[in-house]
Amino acid sequence: HTGGEDVGRDLYDWLVNDAEVVRDVRVTAAGHTSEGTMGSGFELLNL
């Protein structure tokens, strides 16, 4: 739980650009946004 899409997208980008992480860890955006808002779904990341 990232607390918001901006942090979520930033953390997602950080993790998928870390060679040590992406070698083994699968990182995906969970596709969840707060009810009543439009967004890209980066509030939750699945690992």
All heavy atoms as atom14 arrays in JSON, in Angstrom:
{
  "sequence": "HTGGEDVGRDLYDWLVNDAEVVRDVRVTAAGHTSEGTMGSGFELLNL",
  "atom14_mask": [
    [1, 1, 1, 1, 1, 1, 1, 1, 1, 1, 0, 0, 0, 0],
    [1, 1, 1, 1, 1, 1, 1, 0, 0, 0, 0, 0, 0, 0],
    [1, 1, 1, 1, 0, 0, 0, 0, 0, 0, 0, 0, 0, 0],
    [1, 1, 1, 1, 0, 0, 0, 0, 0, 0, 0, 0, 0, 0],
    [1, 1, 1, 1, 1, 1, 1, 1, 1, 0, 0, 0, 0, 0],
    [1, 1, 1, 1, 1, 1, 1, 1, 0, 0, 0, 0, 0, 0],
    [1, 1, 1, 1, 1, 1, 1, 0, 0, 0, 0, 0, 0, 0],
    [1, 1, 1, 1, 0, 0, 0, 0, 0, 0, 0, 0, 0, 0],
    [1, 1, 1, 1, 1, 1, 1, 1, 1, 1, 1, 0, 0, 0],
    [1, 1, 1, 1, 1, 1, 1, 1, 0, 0, 0, 0, 0, 0],
    [1, 1, 1, 1, 1, 1, 1, 1, 0, 0, 0, 0, 0, 0],
    [1, 1, 1, 1, 1, 1, 1, 1, 1, 1, 1, 1, 0, 0],
    [1, 1, 1, 1, 1, 1, 1, 1, 0, 0, 0, 0, 0, 0],
    [1, 1, 1, 1, 1, 1, 1, 1, 1, 1, 1, 1, 1, 1],
    [1, 1, 1, 1, 1, 1, 1, 1, 0, 0, 0, 0, 0, 0],
    [1, 1, 1, 1, 1, 1, 1, 0, 0, 0, 0, 0, 0, 0],
    [1, 1, 1, 1, 1, 1, 1, 1, 0, 0, 0, 0, 0, 0],
    [1, 1, 1, 1, 1, 1, 1, 1, 0, 0, 0, 0, 0, 0],
    [1, 1, 1, 1, 1, 0, 0, 0, 0, 0, 0, 0, 0, 0],
    [1, 1, 1, 1, 1, 1, 1, 1, 1, 0, 0, 0, 0, 0],
    [1, 1, 1, 1, 1, 1, 1, 0, 0, 0, 0, 0, 0, 0],
    [1, 1, 1, 1, 1, 1, 1, 0, 0, 0, 0, 0, 0, 0],
    [1, 1, 1, 1, 1, 1, 1, 1, 1, 1, 1, 0, 0, 0],
    [1, 1, 1, 1, 1, 1, 1, 1, 0, 0, 0, 0, 0, 0],
    [1, 1, 1, 1, 1, 1, 1, 0, 0, 0, 0, 0, 0, 0],
    [1, 1, 1, 1, 1, 1, 1, 1, 1, 1, 1, 0, 0, 0],
    [1, 1, 1, 1, 1, 1, 1, 0, 0, 0, 0, 0, 0, 0],
    [1, 1, 1, 1, 1, 1, 1, 0, 0, 0, 0, 0, 0, 0],
    [1, 1, 1, 1, 1, 0, 0, 0, 0, 0, 0, 0, 0, 0],
    [1, 1, 1, 1, 1, 0, 0, 0, 0, 0, 0, 0, 0, 0],
    [1, 1, 1, 1, 0, 0, 0, 0, 0, 0, 0, 0, 0, 0],
    [1, 1, 1, 1, 1, 1, 1, 1, 1, 1, 0, 0, 0, 0],
    [1, 1, 1, 1, 1, 1, 1, 0, 0, 0, 0, 0, 0, 0],
    [1, 1, 1, 1, 1, 1, 0, 0, 0, 0, 0, 0, 0, 0],
    [1, 1, 1, 1, 1, 1, 1, 1, 1, 0, 0, 0, 0, 0],
    [1, 1, 1, 1, 0, 0, 0, 0, 0, 0, 0, 0, 0, 0],
    [1, 1, 1, 1, 1, 1, 1, 0, 0, 0, 0, 0, 0, 0],
    [1, 1, 1, 1, 1, 1, 1, 1, 0, 0, 0, 0, 0, 0],
    [1, 1, 1, 1, 0, 0, 0, 0, 0, 0, 0, 0, 0, 0],
    [1, 1, 1, 1, 1, 1, 0, 0, 0, 0, 0, 0, 0, 0],
    [1, 1, 1, 1, 0, 0, 0, 0, 0, 0, 0, 0, 0, 0],
    [1, 1, 1, 1, 1, 1, 1, 1, 1, 1, 1, 0, 0, 0],
    [1, 1, 1, 1, 1, 1, 1, 1, 1, 0, 0, 0, 0, 0],
    [1, 1, 1, 1, 1, 1, 1, 1, 0, 0, 0, 0, 0, 0],
    [1, 1, 1, 1, 1, 1, 1, 1, 0, 0, 0, 0, 0, 0],
    [1, 1, 1, 1, 1, 1, 1, 1, 0, 0, 0, 0, 0, 0],
    [1, 1, 1, 1, 1, 1, 1, 1, 0, 0, 0, 0, 0, 0]
  ],
  "atom14_positions": [
    [[0.87, -1.18, 0.0], [0.0, 0.0, 0.0], [0.91, 1.23, 0.0], [1.67, 1.42, 0.94], [-0.89, 0.01, 1.24], [-1.8, -1.17, 1.3], [-3.15, -1.05, 1.11], [-1.56, -2.48, 1.51], [-3.71, -2.25, 1.19], [-2.76, -3.14, 1.44], [0.0, 0.0, 0.0], [0.0, 0.0, 0.0], [0.0, 0.0, 0.0], [0.0, 0.0, 0.0]],
    [[0.79, 2.04, -1.05], [1.72, 3.15, -1.2], [1.18, 4.48, -0.71], [1.92, 5.45, -0.64], [2.13, 3.31, -2.68], [0.96, 3.63, -3.44], [2.78, 2.05, -3.21], [0.0, 0.0, 0.0], [0.0, 0.0, 0.0], [0.0, 0.0, 0.0], [0.0, 0.0, 0.0], [0.0, 0.0, 0.0], [0.0, 0.0, 0.0], [0.0, 0.0, 0.0]],
    [[-0.09, 4.55, -0.4], [-0.64, 5.8, 0.1], [-1.03, 6.78, -0.99], [-1.49, 7.88, -0.7], [0.0, 0.0, 0.0], [0.0, 0.0, 0.0], [0.0, 0.0, 0.0], [0.0, 0.0, 0.0], [0.0, 0.0, 0.0], [0.0, 0.0, 0.0], [0.0, 0.0, 0.0], [0.0, 0.0, 0.0], [0.0, 0.0, 0.0], [0.0, 0.0, 0.0]],
    [[-0.83, 6.43, -2.23], [-1.23, 7.32, -3.31], [-0.58, 6.93, -4.62], [0.45, 6.26, -4.65], [0.0, 0.0, 0.0], [0.0, 0.0, 0.0], [0.0, 0.0, 0.0], [0.0, 0.0, 0.0], [0.0, 0.0, 0.0], [0.0, 0.0, 0.0], [0.0, 0.0, 0.0], [0.0, 0.0, 0.0], [0.0, 0.0, 0.0], [0.0, 0.0, 0.0]],
    [[-1.19, 7.36, -5.7], [-0.7, 6.97, -7.02], [0.67, 7.53, -7.35], [1.47, 6.87, -7.99], [-1.71, 7.38, -8.09], [-2.91, 6.48, -8.1], [-3.72, 6.66, -9.36], [-3.13, 6.78, -10.44], [-4.95, 6.68, -9.24], [0.0, 0.0, 0.0], [0.0, 0.0, 0.0], [0.0, 0.0, 0.0], [0.0, 0.0, 0.0], [0.0, 0.0, 0.0]],
    [[0.96, 8.78, -6.92], [2.26, 9.36, -7.24], [3.38, 8.56, -6.59], [4.37, 8.21, -7.24], [2.33, 10.82, -6.79], [1.42, 11.71, -7.61], [1.04, 11.32, -8.74], [1.08, 12.81, -7.13], [0.0, 0.0, 0.0], [0.0, 0.0, 0.0], [0.0, 0.0, 0.0], [0.0, 0.0, 0.0], [0.0, 0.0, 0.0], [0.0, 0.0, 0.0]],
    [[3.23, 8.25, -5.32], [4.23, 7.44, -4.61], [4.26, 6.04, -5.22], [5.32, 5.46, -5.44], [3.94, 7.38, -3.1], [4.85, 6.37, -2.41], [4.08, 8.75, -2.47], [0.0, 0.0, 0.0], [0.0, 0.0, 0.0], [0.0, 0.0, 0.0], [0.0, 0.0, 0.0], [0.0, 0.0, 0.0], [0.0, 0.0, 0.0], [0.0, 0.0, 0.0]],
    [[3.09, 5.49, -5.51], [3.01, 4.15, -6.08], [3.74, 4.05, -7.4], [4.5, 3.1, -7.64], [0.0, 0.0, 0.0], [0.0, 0.0, 0.0], [0.0, 0.0, 0.0], [0.0, 0.0, 0.0], [0.0, 0.0, 0.0], [0.0, 0.0, 0.0], [0.0, 0.0, 0.0], [0.0, 0.0, 0.0], [0.0, 0.0, 0.0], [0.0, 0.0, 0.0]],
    [[3.5, 5.0, -8.27], [4.17, 4.98, -9.58], [5.68, 5.16, -9.39], [6.48, 4.48, -10.03], [3.63, 6.06, -10.49], [4.3, 6.02, -11.87], [3.67, 7.0, -12.84], [2.31, 6.67, -13.16], [1.94, 5.73, -14.03], [2.85, 5.02, -14.63], [0.67, 5.52, -14.28], [0.0, 0.0, 0.0], [0.0, 0.0, 0.0], [0.0, 0.0, 0.0]],
    [[6.08, 6.04, -8.49], [7.5, 6.29, -8.23], [8.17, 5.03, -7.67], [9.25, 4.63, -8.12], [7.63, 7.46, -7.24], [9.04, 8.0, -7.16], [9.72, 8.09, -8.21], [9.46, 8.34, -6.04], [0.0, 0.0, 0.0], [0.0, 0.0, 0.0], [0.0, 0.0, 0.0], [0.0, 0.0, 0.0], [0.0, 0.0, 0.0], [0.0, 0.0, 0.0]],
    [[7.53, 4.38, -6.7], [8.08, 3.15, -6.13], [8.1, 2.04, -7.17], [9.08, 1.3, -7.28], [7.29, 2.71, -4.9], [7.76, 1.41, -4.24], [9.21, 1.52, -3.77], [6.84, 1.04, -3.07], [0.0, 0.0, 0.0], [0.0, 0.0, 0.0], [0.0, 0.0, 0.0], [0.0, 0.0, 0.0], [0.0, 0.0, 0.0], [0.0, 0.0, 0.0]],
    [[7.04, 1.91, -7.95], [6.99, 0.91, -9.01], [8.17, 1.1, -9.98], [8.89, 0.16, -10.29], [5.65, 1.01, -9.77], [5.58, 0.11, -10.97], [5.19, -1.23, -10.83], [5.9, 0.58, -12.24], [5.12, -2.07, -11.94], [5.83, -0.26, -13.35], [5.44, -1.57, -13.18], [5.39, -2.4, -14.28], [0.0, 0.0, 0.0], [0.0, 0.0, 0.0]],
    [[8.36, 2.34, -10.44], [9.47, 2.63, -11.36], [10.81, 2.29, -10.71], [11.7, 1.75, -11.35], [9.46, 4.09, -11.79], [8.31, 4.42, -12.74], [7.72, 3.49, -13.32], [8.0, 5.62, -12.88], [0.0, 0.0, 0.0], [0.0, 0.0, 0.0], [0.0, 0.0, 0.0], [0.0, 0.0, 0.0], [0.0, 0.0, 0.0], [0.0, 0.0, 0.0]],
    [[10.94, 2.64, -9.43], [12.18, 2.35, -8.69], [12.44, 0.84, -8.68], [13.55, 0.38, -8.97], [12.06, 2.9, -7.27], [13.24, 2.6, -6.4], [13.47, 1.48, -5.66], [14.35, 3.46, -6.17], [14.64, 1.58, -4.99], [15.21, 2.78, -5.27], [14.71, 4.74, -6.62], [16.41, 3.34, -4.82], [15.89, 5.28, -6.17], [16.73, 4.6, -5.28]],
    [[11.43, 0.07, -8.33], [11.6, -1.39, -8.2], [11.87, -2.06, -9.54], [12.74, -2.93, -9.63], [10.38, -2.01, -7.52], [10.15, -1.63, -6.06], [8.84, -2.21, -5.55], [11.32, -2.06, -5.17], [0.0, 0.0, 0.0], [0.0, 0.0, 0.0], [0.0, 0.0, 0.0], [0.0, 0.0, 0.0], [0.0, 0.0, 0.0], [0.0, 0.0, 0.0]],
    [[11.14, -1.69, -10.58], [11.33, -2.37, -11.87], [12.62, -1.95, -12.55], [13.06, -2.61, -13.51], [10.12, -2.2, -12.83], [8.86, -2.81, -12.22], [9.91, -0.76, -13.23], [0.0, 0.0, 0.0], [0.0, 0.0, 0.0], [0.0, 0.0, 0.0], [0.0, 0.0, 0.0], [0.0, 0.0, 0.0], [0.0, 0.0, 0.0], [0.0, 0.0, 0.0]],
    [[13.25, -0.89, -12.08], [14.54, -0.48, -12.61], [15.71, -0.95, -11.73], [16.85, -0.59, -12.0], [14.58, 1.04, -12.81], [13.75, 1.45, -14.0], [14.03, 1.03, -15.12], [12.71, 2.22, -13.76], [0.0, 0.0, 0.0], [0.0, 0.0, 0.0], [0.0, 0.0, 0.0], [0.0, 0.0, 0.0], [0.0, 0.0, 0.0], [0.0, 0.0, 0.0]],
    [[15.41, -1.71, -10.7], [16.44, -2.29, -9.83], [16.71, -3.72, -10.3], [15.88, -4.61, -10.13], [15.95, -2.28, -8.38], [17.0, -2.74, -7.4], [17.83, -3.61, -7.76], [16.99, -2.26, -6.25], [0.0, 0.0, 0.0], [0.0, 0.0, 0.0], [0.0, 0.0, 0.0], [0.0, 0.0, 0.0], [0.0, 0.0, 0.0], [0.0, 0.0, 0.0]],
    [[17.87, -3.93, -10.91], [18.2, -5.24, -11.49], [18.15, -6.36, -10.47], [17.76, -7.48, -10.79], [19.58, -5.18, -12.16], [0.0, 0.0, 0.0], [0.0, 0.0, 0.0], [0.0, 0.0, 0.0], [0.0, 0.0, 0.0], [0.0, 0.0, 0.0], [0.0, 0.0, 0.0], [0.0, 0.0, 0.0], [0.0, 0.0, 0.0], [0.0, 0.0, 0.0]],
    [[18.53, -6.07, -9.23], [18.51, -7.1, -8.18], [17.09, -7.53, -7.85], [16.84, -8.68, -7.5], [19.21, -6.6, -6.93], [20.7, -6.36, -7.09], [21.45, -7.65, -7.38], [21.17, -8.68, -6.73], [22.31, -7.63, -8.28], [0.0, 0.0, 0.0], [0.0, 0.0, 0.0], [0.0, 0.0, 0.0], [0.0, 0.0, 0.0], [0.0, 0.0, 0.0]],
    [[16.15, -6.61, -7.94], [14.75, -6.92, -7.62], [14.09, -7.66, -8.78], [13.52, -8.73, -8.59], [13.96, -5.63, -7.27], [12.47, -5.93, -7.14], [14.49, -5.03, -5.97], [0.0, 0.0, 0.0], [0.0, 0.0, 0.0], [0.0, 0.0, 0.0], [0.0, 0.0, 0.0], [0.0, 0.0, 0.0], [0.0, 0.0, 0.0], [0.0, 0.0, 0.0]],
    [[14.17, -7.09, -9.98], [13.42, -7.67, -11.1], [13.97, -9.0, -11.58], [13.29, -9.72, -12.32], [13.28, -6.7, -12.29], [12.47, -5.48, -11.9], [14.62, -6.31, -12.86], [0.0, 0.0, 0.0], [0.0, 0.0, 0.0], [0.0, 0.0, 0.0], [0.0, 0.0, 0.0], [0.0, 0.0, 0.0], [0.0, 0.0, 0.0], [0.0, 0.0, 0.0]],
    [[15.16, -9.35, -11.14], [15.7, -10.67, -11.51], [14.79, -11.78, -11.0], [14.57, -12.77, -11.68], [17.12, -10.82, -10.95], [17.72, -12.18, -11.27], [19.12, -12.34, -10.77], [19.28, -11.84, -9.43], [20.4, -11.3, -8.97], [21.43, -11.16, -9.76], [20.47, -10.87, -7.73], [0.0, 0.0, 0.0], [0.0, 0.0, 0.0], [0.0, 0.0, 0.0]],
    [[14.21, -11.61, -9.8], [13.4, -12.66, -9.19], [12.0, -12.24, -8.78], [11.1, -13.06, -8.74], [14.11, -13.23, -7.95], [15.4, -13.94, -8.3], [15.39, -14.73, -9.25], [16.41, -13.69, -7.62], [0.0, 0.0, 0.0], [0.0, 0.0, 0.0], [0.0, 0.0, 0.0], [0.0, 0.0, 0.0], [0.0, 0.0, 0.0], [0.0, 0.0, 0.0]],
    [[11.81, -10.99, -8.42], [10.53, -10.52, -7.88], [9.63, -10.04, -9.02], [10.07, -9.29, -9.88], [10.74, -9.38, -6.86], [9.4, -8.87, -6.35], [11.62, -9.84, -5.7], [0.0, 0.0, 0.0], [0.0, 0.0, 0.0], [0.0, 0.0, 0.0], [0.0, 0.0, 0.0], [0.0, 0.0, 0.0], [0.0, 0.0, 0.0], [0.0, 0.0, 0.0]],
    [[8.39, -10.49, -9.01], [7.41, -10.01, -9.99], [6.66, -8.84, -9.36], [6.04, -8.98, -8.31], [6.44, -11.13, -10.34], [5.47, -10.73, -11.42], [4.72, -11.93, -11.94], [3.59, -11.45, -12.7], [2.37, -11.92, -12.57], [2.12, -12.91, -11.75], [1.39, -11.42, -13.28], [0.0, 0.0, 0.0], [0.0, 0.0, 0.0], [0.0, 0.0, 0.0]],
    [[6.74, -7.68, -10.0], [6.12, -6.44, -9.5], [5.05, -6.0, -10.49], [5.33, -5.8, -11.66], [7.18, -5.32, -9.36], [6.54, -4.05, -8.81], [8.36, -5.76, -8.51], [0.0, 0.0, 0.0], [0.0, 0.0, 0.0], [0.0, 0.0, 0.0], [0.0, 0.0, 0.0], [0.0, 0.0, 0.0], [0.0, 0.0, 0.0], [0.0, 0.0, 0.0]],
    [[3.81, -5.86, -10.0], [2.73, -5.38, -10.86], [1.87, -4.38, -10.09], [1.77, -4.45, -8.86], [1.81, -6.53, -11.35], [1.27, -7.21, -10.22], [2.57, -7.51, -12.21], [0.0, 0.0, 0.0], [0.0, 0.0, 0.0], [0.0, 0.0, 0.0], [0.0, 0.0, 0.0], [0.0, 0.0, 0.0], [0.0, 0.0, 0.0], [0.0, 0.0, 0.0]],
    [[1.27, -3.45, -10.82], [0.29, -2.55, -10.21], [-0.99, -3.34, -10.04], [-1.4, -4.1, -10.91], [0.07, -1.34, -11.1], [0.0, 0.0, 0.0], [0.0, 0.0, 0.0], [0.0, 0.0, 0.0], [0.0, 0.0, 0.0], [0.0, 0.0, 0.0], [0.0, 0.0, 0.0], [0.0, 0.0, 0.0], [0.0, 0.0, 0.0], [0.0, 0.0, 0.0]],
    [[-1.64, -3.15, -8.89], [-2.84, -3.94, -8.58], [-4.08, -3.43, -9.29], [-5.11, -4.09, -9.29], [-3.06, -3.96, -7.07], [0.0, 0.0, 0.0], [0.0, 0.0, 0.0], [0.0, 0.0, 0.0], [0.0, 0.0, 0.0], [0.0, 0.0, 0.0], [0.0, 0.0, 0.0], [0.0, 0.0, 0.0], [0.0, 0.0, 0.0], [0.0, 0.0, 0.0]],
    [[-4.01, -2.24, -9.88], [-5.17, -1.73, -10.61], [-6.25, -1.17, -9.73], [-7.38, -1.03, -10.15], [0.0, 0.0, 0.0], [0.0, 0.0, 0.0], [0.0, 0.0, 0.0], [0.0, 0.0, 0.0], [0.0, 0.0, 0.0], [0.0, 0.0, 0.0], [0.0, 0.0, 0.0], [0.0, 0.0, 0.0], [0.0, 0.0, 0.0], [0.0, 0.0, 0.0]],
    [[-5.94, -0.82, -8.49], [-6.92, -0.29, -7.54], [-6.79, 1.22, -7.46], [-5.7, 1.75, -7.36], [-6.67, -0.9, -6.16], [-7.56, -0.32, -5.11], [-7.2, 0.77, -4.37], [-8.79, -0.68, -4.69], [-8.18, 1.06, -3.52], [-9.14, 0.19, -3.7], [0.0, 0.0, 0.0], [0.0, 0.0, 0.0], [0.0, 0.0, 0.0], [0.0, 0.0, 0.0]],
    [[-7.89, 1.9, -7.52], [-7.91, 3.34, -7.26], [-9.02, 3.62, -6.26], [-9.92, 2.81, -6.07], [-8.16, 4.16, -8.55], [-9.38, 3.72, -9.13], [-7.02, 3.99, -9.54], [0.0, 0.0, 0.0], [0.0, 0.0, 0.0], [0.0, 0.0, 0.0], [0.0, 0.0, 0.0], [0.0, 0.0, 0.0], [0.0, 0.0, 0.0], [0.0, 0.0, 0.0]],
    [[-8.93, 4.74, -5.61], [-9.96, 5.11, -4.64], [-11.3, 5.24, -5.33], [-11.39, 5.71, -6.48], [-9.6, 6.44, -3.97], [-8.39, 6.32, -3.29], [0.0, 0.0, 0.0], [0.0, 0.0, 0.0], [0.0, 0.0, 0.0], [0.0, 0.0, 0.0], [0.0, 0.0, 0.0], [0.0, 0.0, 0.0], [0.0, 0.0, 0.0], [0.0, 0.0, 0.0]],
    [[-12.35, 4.84, -4.64], [-13.69, 4.91, -5.22], [-14.03, 6.34, -5.59], [-13.77, 7.28, -4.85], [-14.71, 4.37, -4.2], [-16.06, 4.13, -4.82], [-16.97, 3.36, -3.9], [-16.48, 2.52, -3.14], [-18.17, 3.63, -3.95], [0.0, 0.0, 0.0], [0.0, 0.0, 0.0], [0.0, 0.0, 0.0], [0.0, 0.0, 0.0], [0.0, 0.0, 0.0]],
    [[-14.58, 6.5, -6.77], [-15.0, 7.82, -7.22], [-13.89, 8.62, -7.87], [-14.08, 9.78, -8.19], [0.0, 0.0, 0.0], [0.0, 0.0, 0.0], [0.0, 0.0, 0.0], [0.0, 0.0, 0.0], [0.0, 0.0, 0.0], [0.0, 0.0, 0.0], [0.0, 0.0, 0.0], [0.0, 0.0, 0.0], [0.0, 0.0, 0.0], [0.0, 0.0, 0.0]],
    [[-12.71, 8.02, -8.04], [-11.62, 8.74, -8.68], [-11.15, 7.97, -9.9], [-11.37, 6.78, -10.03], [-10.41, 8.92, -7.73], [-9.88, 7.63, -7.42], [-10.79, 9.66, -6.48], [0.0, 0.0, 0.0], [0.0, 0.0, 0.0], [0.0, 0.0, 0.0], [0.0, 0.0, 0.0], [0.0, 0.0, 0.0], [0.0, 0.0, 0.0], [0.0, 0.0, 0.0]],
    [[-10.52, 8.71, -10.8], [-9.9, 8.06, -11.95], [-8.41, 8.01, -11.68], [-7.84, 8.91, -11.09], [-10.19, 8.85, -13.22], [-11.65, 8.84, -13.59], [-11.97, 9.78, -15.08], [-11.06, 8.82, -16.28], [0.0, 0.0, 0.0], [0.0, 0.0, 0.0], [0.0, 0.0, 0.0], [0.0, 0.0, 0.0], [0.0, 0.0, 0.0], [0.0, 0.0, 0.0]],
    [[-7.79, 6.95, -12.08], [-6.36, 6.86, -11.87], [-5.78, 5.64, -12.57], [-6.49, 4.88, -13.21], [0.0, 0.0, 0.0], [0.0, 0.0, 0.0], [0.0, 0.0, 0.0], [0.0, 0.0, 0.0], [0.0, 0.0, 0.0], [0.0, 0.0, 0.0], [0.0, 0.0, 0.0], [0.0, 0.0, 0.0], [0.0, 0.0, 0.0], [0.0, 0.0, 0.0]],
    [[-4.49, 5.48, -12.41], [-3.8, 4.4, -13.12], [-3.63, 3.15, -12.28], [-3.14, 2.15, -12.76], [-2.43, 4.9, -13.57], [-1.68, 5.34, -12.45], [0.0, 0.0, 0.0], [0.0, 0.0, 0.0], [0.0, 0.0, 0.0], [0.0, 0.0, 0.0], [0.0, 0.0, 0.0], [0.0, 0.0, 0.0], [0.0, 0.0, 0.0], [0.0, 0.0, 0.0]],
    [[-4.03, 3.17, -11.02], [-4.01, 1.97, -10.21], [-2.71, 1.67, -9.51], [-2.41, 0.52, -9.24], [0.0, 0.0, 0.0], [0.0, 0.0, 0.0], [0.0, 0.0, 0.0], [0.0, 0.0, 0.0], [0.0, 0.0, 0.0], [0.0, 0.0, 0.0], [0.0, 0.0, 0.0], [0.0, 0.0, 0.0], [0.0, 0.0, 0.0], [0.0, 0.0, 0.0]],
    [[-1.91, 2.67, -9.22], [-0.62, 2.42, -8.57], [-0.67, 2.59, -7.06], [0.36, 2.6, -6.41], [0.47, 3.32, -9.17], [0.97, 2.84, -10.49], [0.37, 3.23, -11.66], [2.03, 1.95, -10.55], [0.82, 2.77, -12.88], [2.49, 1.48, -11.77], [1.88, 1.89, -12.94], [0.0, 0.0, 0.0], [0.0, 0.0, 0.0], [0.0, 0.0, 0.0]],
    [[-1.86, 2.73, -6.48], [-1.95, 2.82, -5.02], [-1.53, 1.52, -4.36], [-1.03, 1.51, -3.24], [-3.38, 3.16, -4.59], [-3.8, 4.56, -4.96], [-5.25, 4.82, -4.61], [-5.84, 4.05, -3.83], [-5.8, 5.8, -5.12], [0.0, 0.0, 0.0], [0.0, 0.0, 0.0], [0.0, 0.0, 0.0], [0.0, 0.0, 0.0], [0.0, 0.0, 0.0]],
    [[-1.78, 0.41, -5.05], [-1.41, -0.92, -4.56], [-0.48, -1.58, -5.56], [-0.73, -1.55, -6.76], [-2.64, -1.8, -4.38], [-3.74, -1.32, -3.44], [-4.92, -2.27, -3.5], [-3.21, -1.23, -2.02], [0.0, 0.0, 0.0], [0.0, 0.0, 0.0], [0.0, 0.0, 0.0], [0.0, 0.0, 0.0], [0.0, 0.0, 0.0], [0.0, 0.0, 0.0]],
    [[0.58, -2.19, -5.04], [1.48, -2.97, -5.88], [1.45, -4.41, -5.39], [1.47, -4.66, -4.18], [2.91, -2.44, -5.79], [3.13, -0.98, -6.18], [4.6, -0.61, -5.99], [2.7, -0.72, -7.61], [0.0, 0.0, 0.0], [0.0, 0.0, 0.0], [0.0, 0.0, 0.0], [0.0, 0.0, 0.0], [0.0, 0.0, 0.0], [0.0, 0.0, 0.0]],
    [[1.39, -5.35, -6.32], [1.45, -6.77, -5.97], [2.87, -7.25, -6.23], [3.44, -6.98, -7.3], [0.48, -7.59, -6.82], [-0.95, -7.33, -6.43], [-1.25, -7.11, -5.26], [-1.82, -7.34, -7.4], [0.0, 0.0, 0.0], [0.0, 0.0, 0.0], [0.0, 0.0, 0.0], [0.0, 0.0, 0.0], [0.0, 0.0, 0.0], [0.0, 0.0, 0.0]],
    [[3.41, -7.97, -5.26], [4.76, -8.49, -5.38], [4.73, -10.0, -5.15], [4.13, -10.46, -4.17], [5.69, -7.85, -4.34], [5.71, -6.32, -4.3], [6.55, -5.83, -3.14], [6.26, -5.77, -5.6], [0.0, 0.0, 0.0], [0.0, 0.0, 0.0], [0.0, 0.0, 0.0], [0.0, 0.0, 0.0], [0.0, 0.0, 0.0], [0.0, 0.0, 0.0]]
  ]
}
